[in-house]
Amino acid sequence: MSLPLPPLRTHDPAAFGRVALLLGGTSSERAVSLDSGRNVLEALRARGIDAQPVDGIAALREGLMQGRFDRVFNILHGGEGENGVLQGLLQAFGIPVPAPACSAVR
């Protein structure tokens, strides 16, 4: 049985809620993630999305425990961003794991 999914496109940036832009981390690709993250953060904010940078899984976990985020946009390269740790954390907190739908905002 599949659950109904919300539309992937929206014209209302507020529909995304508070977005944690997960970047940096501890992998050998940290510098690439930070660079990518700066660009994505700028694009999200330019479209009116309430996005905040979060450096690494530990900081994300803390923010989720405090209820600061509704969604997570993953820009981690390698390590915990790709080995299932992040996905498990998001599932435990009931955070949606969408495709990069945020980029569909115009």
Protein backbone atom coordinates (compact mmCIF):
# COMPACT_ATOMS: atom_id res chain seq x y z
CA MET A 1 0.00 0.00 0.00
CA SER A 2 1.49 3.35 -0.97
CA LEU A 3 0.80 6.58 0.85
CA PRO A 4 -0.27 9.69 -1.06
CA LEU A 5 2.62 12.06 -1.55
CA PRO A 6 2.37 15.84 -1.68
CA PRO A 7 3.10 17.50 -5.02
CA LEU A 8 6.80 17.87 -5.79
CA ARG A 9 6.35 21.41 -7.02
CA THR A 10 5.07 24.35 -5.07
CA HIS A 11 5.06 28.08 -5.55
CA ASP A 12 4.90 28.77 -1.82
CA PRO A 13 8.34 28.78 -0.13
CA ALA A 14 6.65 28.67 3.28
CA ALA A 15 5.33 25.20 2.40
CA PHE A 16 8.81 23.82 3.02
CA GLY A 17 8.88 25.02 6.62
CA ARG A 18 12.24 25.38 8.33
CA VAL A 19 14.93 23.67 6.28
CA ALA A 20 18.24 22.45 7.67
CA LEU A 21 20.89 22.57 4.96
CA LEU A 22 23.19 19.77 6.06
CA LEU A 23 26.75 20.41 4.89
CA GLY A 24 30.37 19.98 5.91
CA GLY A 25 30.65 16.86 8.02
CA THR A 26 33.77 14.85 8.70
CA SER A 27 34.45 13.02 5.45
CA SER A 28 37.42 13.70 3.20
CA GLU A 29 35.01 15.60 0.94
CA ARG A 30 34.18 18.23 3.59
CA ALA A 31 35.53 21.15 1.54
CA VAL A 32 33.42 20.19 -1.48
CA SER A 33 30.34 19.92 0.73
CA LEU A 34 30.95 23.34 2.28
CA ASP A 35 31.37 24.91 -1.15
CA SER A 36 28.25 23.22 -2.52
CA GLY A 37 26.37 24.16 0.62
CA ARG A 38 27.15 27.86 0.27
CA ASN A 39 25.72 27.86 -3.24
CA VAL A 40 22.60 25.88 -2.32
CA LEU A 41 21.97 28.03 0.76
CA GLU A 42 22.14 31.18 -1.35
CA ALA A 43 19.73 29.71 -3.92
CA LEU A 44 17.21 28.54 -1.30
CA ARG A 45 17.23 31.85 0.53
CA ALA A 46 16.93 33.78 -2.75
CA ARG A 47 13.68 31.88 -3.31
CA GLY A 48 12.37 32.79 0.14
CA ILE A 49 12.93 29.43 1.82
CA ASP A 50 13.79 29.52 5.53
CA ALA A 51 17.06 27.58 5.27
CA GLN A 52 19.80 27.40 7.90
CA PRO A 53 23.25 25.81 7.46
CA VAL A 54 24.00 22.88 9.78
CA ASP A 55 27.53 21.47 9.91
CA GLY A 56 27.43 17.71 10.33
CA ILE A 57 25.25 14.98 11.77
CA ALA A 58 25.83 15.85 15.45
CA ALA A 59 24.69 19.45 14.93
CA LEU A 60 21.69 18.25 12.93
CA ARG A 61 20.70 15.80 15.65
CA GLU A 62 20.84 18.60 18.22
CA GLY A 63 18.72 20.88 16.03
CA LEU A 64 16.16 18.14 15.45
CA MET A 65 15.97 17.41 19.18
CA GLN A 66 15.23 21.11 19.75
CA GLY A 67 12.52 21.05 17.06
CA ARG A 68 14.27 23.68 14.94
CA PHE A 69 13.73 22.01 11.53
CA ASP A 70 10.92 20.54 9.46
CA ARG A 71 13.03 19.27 6.56
CA VAL A 72 16.63 18.49 5.74
CA PHE A 73 18.39 19.21 2.47
CA ASN A 74 21.48 16.98 2.40
CA ILE A 75 24.66 18.39 0.88
CA LEU A 76 27.03 16.07 2.74
CA HIS A 77 29.45 14.33 0.38
CA GLY A 78 30.49 10.84 1.44
CA GLY A 79 30.60 9.45 4.96
CA GLU A 80 27.48 9.69 7.11
CA GLY A 81 25.60 11.55 4.40
CA GLU A 82 25.69 8.50 2.14
CA ASN A 83 26.08 5.43 4.35
CA GLY A 84 22.59 5.29 5.87
CA VAL A 85 23.32 7.12 9.13
CA LEU A 86 21.55 10.29 8.00
CA GLN A 87 18.59 8.40 6.58
CA GLY A 88 18.18 6.51 9.86
CA LEU A 89 18.34 9.72 11.88
CA LEU A 90 15.74 11.41 9.69
CA GLN A 91 13.46 8.39 9.86
CA ALA A 92 13.75 8.32 13.67
CA PHE A 93 12.65 11.97 13.84
CA GLY A 94 9.91 11.57 11.21
CA ILE A 95 11.58 14.07 8.87
CA PRO A 96 10.60 13.70 5.19
CA VAL A 97 13.38 12.57 2.88
CA PRO A 98 12.26 14.05 -0.44
CA ALA A 99 14.10 14.38 -3.68
CA PRO A 100 15.51 17.91 -3.99
CA ALA A 101 12.02 19.36 -4.43
CA CYS A 102 13.18 22.66 -2.97
CA SER A 103 14.81 23.45 -6.29
CA ALA A 104 11.35 23.37 -7.88
CA VAL A 105 10.31 26.58 -6.14
CA ARG A 106 10.17 29.50 -8.56
